[in-house]
């Protein structure tokens, strides 16, 4: 085998190793594997929330598909009134559909909302 062929073989092996290490590094930096989930807003309110720290305002009727790399953790204000804060947190799962809906378990507070898994 010529020196050029050996160099090409070594270079190719090194590139494969670099690509494998680079993918692992990207996964470590990003926090792990990606999670993809869908969130719908079936309330009459704009819902402010954060997924993995990224803030969004979700308007009524909107459907969003999320790709999360940091665990898919959501934090939202479950009381839709302005000036009232009652935060709730969930860890969302890959491949699931979630829906913001009125929380019927608190009939005395018509502003309460919650995030439900859709079957």
C-alpha atoms as a PDB file:
ATOM      1  CA  UNK A   1       0.000   0.000   0.000  1.00  0.00           C
ATOM      2  CA  UNK A   2       1.410   3.383  -0.913  1.00  0.00           C
ATOM      3  CA  UNK A   3       1.961   6.136   1.608  1.00  0.00           C
ATOM      4  CA  UNK A   4      -0.822   8.184   0.017  1.00  0.00           C
ATOM      5  CA  UNK A   5      -3.316   5.335   0.415  1.00  0.00           C
ATOM      6  CA  UNK A   6      -2.306   4.888   4.054  1.00  0.00           C
ATOM      7  CA  UNK A   7      -2.710   8.612   4.692  1.00  0.00           C
ATOM      8  CA  UNK A   8      -6.139   8.598   3.046  1.00  0.00           C
ATOM      9  CA  UNK A   9      -7.199   5.582   5.119  1.00  0.00           C
ATOM     10  CA  UNK A  10      -6.029   7.218   8.366  1.00  0.00           C
ATOM     11  CA  UNK A  11      -7.662  10.529   7.423  1.00  0.00           C
ATOM     12  CA  UNK A  12     -10.947   8.770   6.673  1.00  0.00           C
ATOM     13  CA  UNK A  13     -10.869   6.903   9.998  1.00  0.00           C
ATOM     14  CA  UNK A  14     -10.082  10.143  11.841  1.00  0.00           C
ATOM     15  CA  UNK A  15     -12.981  11.924  10.156  1.00  0.00           C
ATOM     16  CA  UNK A  16     -15.377   9.150  11.170  1.00  0.00           C
ATOM     17  CA  UNK A  17     -14.119   9.379  14.748  1.00  0.00           C
ATOM     18  CA  UNK A  18     -14.428  13.179  14.700  1.00  0.00           C
ATOM     19  CA  UNK A  19     -18.021  12.998  13.424  1.00  0.00           C
ATOM     20  CA  UNK A  20     -18.945  10.485  16.141  1.00  0.00           C
ATOM     21  CA  UNK A  21     -17.317  12.590  18.863  1.00  0.00           C
ATOM     22  CA  UNK A  22     -18.887  15.760  17.462  1.00  0.00           C
ATOM     23  CA  UNK A  23     -22.388  14.222  17.631  1.00  0.00           C
ATOM     24  CA  UNK A  24     -21.815  13.172  21.256  1.00  0.00           C
ATOM     25  CA  UNK A  25     -20.496  16.624  22.113  1.00  0.00           C
ATOM     26  CA  UNK A  26     -23.528  18.277  20.501  1.00  0.00           C
ATOM     27  CA  UNK A  27     -25.830  16.015  22.511  1.00  0.00           C
ATOM     28  CA  UNK A  28     -23.984  16.863  25.725  1.00  0.00           C
ATOM     29  CA  UNK A  29     -24.006  20.596  25.032  1.00  0.00           C
ATOM     30  CA  UNK A  30     -27.669  20.566  24.074  1.00  0.00           C
ATOM     31  CA  UNK A  31     -28.674  18.658  27.188  1.00  0.00           C
ATOM     32  CA  UNK A  32     -29.510  15.372  25.569  1.00  0.00           C
ATOM     33  CA  UNK A  33     -31.666  14.046  22.814  1.00  0.00           C
ATOM     34  CA  UNK A  34     -34.306  16.160  21.188  1.00  0.00           C
ATOM     35  CA  UNK A  35     -37.927  15.963  22.264  1.00  0.00           C
ATOM     36  CA  UNK A  36     -40.724  16.990  19.913  1.00  0.00           C
ATOM     37  CA  UNK A  37     -44.208  17.715  21.231  1.00  0.00           C
ATOM     38  CA  UNK A  38     -47.265  19.760  20.276  1.00  0.00           C
ATOM     39  CA  UNK A  39     -49.060  22.379  22.384  1.00  0.00           C
ATOM     40  CA  UNK A  40     -52.556  23.684  21.624  1.00  0.00           C
ATOM     41  CA  UNK A  41     -54.385  26.563  23.317  1.00  0.00           C
ATOM     42  CA  UNK A  42     -58.105  25.857  23.680  1.00  0.00           C
ATOM     43  CA  UNK A  43     -58.701  28.644  26.213  1.00  0.00           C
ATOM     44  CA  UNK A  44     -59.981  32.151  25.487  1.00  0.00           C
ATOM     45  CA  UNK A  45     -56.785  33.635  26.955  1.00  0.00           C
ATOM     46  CA  UNK A  46     -53.302  34.407  25.727  1.00  0.00           C
ATOM     47  CA  UNK A  47     -51.125  31.972  27.684  1.00  0.00           C
ATOM     48  CA  UNK A  48     -47.602  33.084  28.562  1.00  0.00           C
ATOM     49  CA  UNK A  49     -45.180  30.269  29.226  1.00  0.00           C
ATOM     50  CA  UNK A  50     -41.581  29.152  28.978  1.00  0.00           C
ATOM     51  CA  UNK A  51     -40.259  25.904  27.550  1.00  0.00           C
ATOM     52  CA  UNK A  52     -36.668  25.274  28.637  1.00  0.00           C
ATOM     53  CA  UNK A  53     -36.411  28.993  29.437  1.00  0.00           C
ATOM     54  CA  UNK A  54     -37.669  30.240  26.058  1.00  0.00           C
ATOM     55  CA  UNK A  55     -40.650  32.575  26.568  1.00  0.00           C
ATOM     56  CA  UNK A  56     -43.697  32.488  24.284  1.00  0.00           C
ATOM     57  CA  UNK A  57     -47.206  33.930  24.197  1.00  0.00           C
ATOM     58  CA  UNK A  58     -49.655  31.326  22.931  1.00  0.00           C
ATOM     59  CA  UNK A  59     -52.850  32.854  21.514  1.00  0.00           C
ATOM     60  CA  UNK A  60     -56.233  31.101  21.597  1.00  0.00           C
ATOM     61  CA  UNK A  61     -56.621  28.539  18.820  1.00  0.00           C
ATOM     62  CA  UNK A  62     -52.908  28.345  18.031  1.00  0.00           C
ATOM     63  CA  UNK A  63     -51.126  25.017  17.617  1.00  0.00           C
ATOM     64  CA  UNK A  64     -47.368  24.934  18.029  1.00  0.00           C
ATOM     65  CA  UNK A  65     -44.914  22.116  17.475  1.00  0.00           C
ATOM     66  CA  UNK A  66     -41.886  22.360  19.747  1.00  0.00           C
ATOM     67  CA  UNK A  67     -38.447  20.816  19.442  1.00  0.00           C
ATOM     68  CA  UNK A  68     -36.733  20.918  22.826  1.00  0.00           C
ATOM     69  CA  UNK A  69     -33.128  20.004  23.595  1.00  0.00           C
ATOM     70  CA  UNK A  70     -33.015  20.844  27.301  1.00  0.00           C
ATOM     71  CA  UNK A  71     -35.563  18.423  28.714  1.00  0.00           C
ATOM     72  CA  UNK A  72     -38.877  19.921  27.569  1.00  0.00           C
ATOM     73  CA  UNK A  73     -39.781  21.607  30.854  1.00  0.00           C
ATOM     74  CA  UNK A  74     -42.684  24.045  30.765  1.00  0.00           C
ATOM     75  CA  UNK A  75     -43.577  26.769  33.278  1.00  0.00           C
ATOM     76  CA  UNK A  76     -46.811  28.735  32.926  1.00  0.00           C
ATOM     77  CA  UNK A  77     -49.153  30.941  34.935  1.00  0.00           C
ATOM     78  CA  UNK A  78     -52.260  28.860  35.621  1.00  0.00           C
ATOM     79  CA  UNK A  79     -54.327  31.951  36.553  1.00  0.00           C
ATOM     80  CA  UNK A  80     -55.186  33.969  33.442  1.00  0.00           C
ATOM     81  CA  UNK A  81     -55.925  37.189  35.334  1.00  0.00           C
ATOM     82  CA  UNK A  82     -53.477  40.029  34.923  1.00  0.00           C
ATOM     83  CA  UNK A  83     -51.439  40.676  38.042  1.00  0.00           C
ATOM     84  CA  UNK A  84     -52.143  37.262  39.570  1.00  0.00           C
ATOM     85  CA  UNK A  85     -49.312  34.736  39.458  1.00  0.00           C
ATOM     86  CA  UNK A  86     -49.759  31.034  40.158  1.00  0.00           C
ATOM     87  CA  UNK A  87     -47.025  29.146  38.333  1.00  0.00           C
ATOM     88  CA  UNK A  88     -47.222  25.494  37.439  1.00  0.00           C
ATOM     89  CA  UNK A  89     -44.475  23.299  35.978  1.00  0.00           C
ATOM     90  CA  UNK A  90     -44.451  20.084  33.991  1.00  0.00           C
ATOM     91  CA  UNK A  91     -41.874  17.979  32.197  1.00  0.00           C
ATOM     92  CA  UNK A  92     -43.265  17.382  28.710  1.00  0.00           C
ATOM     93  CA  UNK A  93     -42.713  14.082  26.902  1.00  0.00           C
ATOM     94  CA  UNK A  94     -41.484  13.390  23.406  1.00  0.00           C
ATOM     95  CA  UNK A  95     -44.235  12.684  20.868  1.00  0.00           C
ATOM     96  CA  UNK A  96     -47.107  13.864  23.071  1.00  0.00           C
ATOM     97  CA  UNK A  97     -49.829  16.436  22.413  1.00  0.00           C
ATOM     98  CA  UNK A  98     -50.680  18.890  25.197  1.00  0.00           C
ATOM     99  CA  UNK A  99     -53.656  21.239  25.410  1.00  0.00           C
ATOM    100  CA  UNK A 100     -54.194  24.365  27.501  1.00  0.00           C
ATOM    101  CA  UNK A 101     -57.819  24.201  28.713  1.00  0.00           C
ATOM    102  CA  UNK A 102     -59.984  25.743  31.396  1.00  0.00           C
ATOM    103  CA  UNK A 103     -59.403  23.983  34.717  1.00  0.00           C
ATOM    104  CA  UNK A 104     -62.806  22.556  35.650  1.00  0.00           C
ATOM    105  CA  UNK A 105     -61.499  21.376  39.037  1.00  0.00           C
ATOM    106  CA  UNK A 106     -61.674  24.969  40.347  1.00  0.00           C
ATOM    107  CA  UNK A 107     -65.261  26.055  39.527  1.00  0.00           C
ATOM    108  CA  UNK A 108     -64.992  29.092  41.824  1.00  0.00           C
ATOM    109  CA  UNK A 109     -62.205  30.546  39.688  1.00  0.00           C
ATOM    110  CA  UNK A 110     -63.131  30.800  35.998  1.00  0.00           C
ATOM    111  CA  UNK A 111     -59.630  32.132  35.159  1.00  0.00           C
ATOM    112  CA  UNK A 112     -57.820  28.931  36.091  1.00  0.00           C
ATOM    113  CA  UNK A 113     -56.246  27.014  33.237  1.00  0.00           C
ATOM    114  CA  UNK A 114     -54.137  23.882  33.114  1.00  0.00           C
ATOM    115  CA  UNK A 115     -52.153  21.853  30.614  1.00  0.00           C
ATOM    116  CA  UNK A 116     -53.624  18.449  29.781  1.00  0.00           C
ATOM    117  CA  UNK A 117     -52.272  15.480  27.828  1.00  0.00           C
ATOM    118  CA  UNK A 118     -54.360  14.629  24.819  1.00  0.00           C
ATOM    119  CA  UNK A 119     -54.992  10.904  24.467  1.00  0.00           C
END
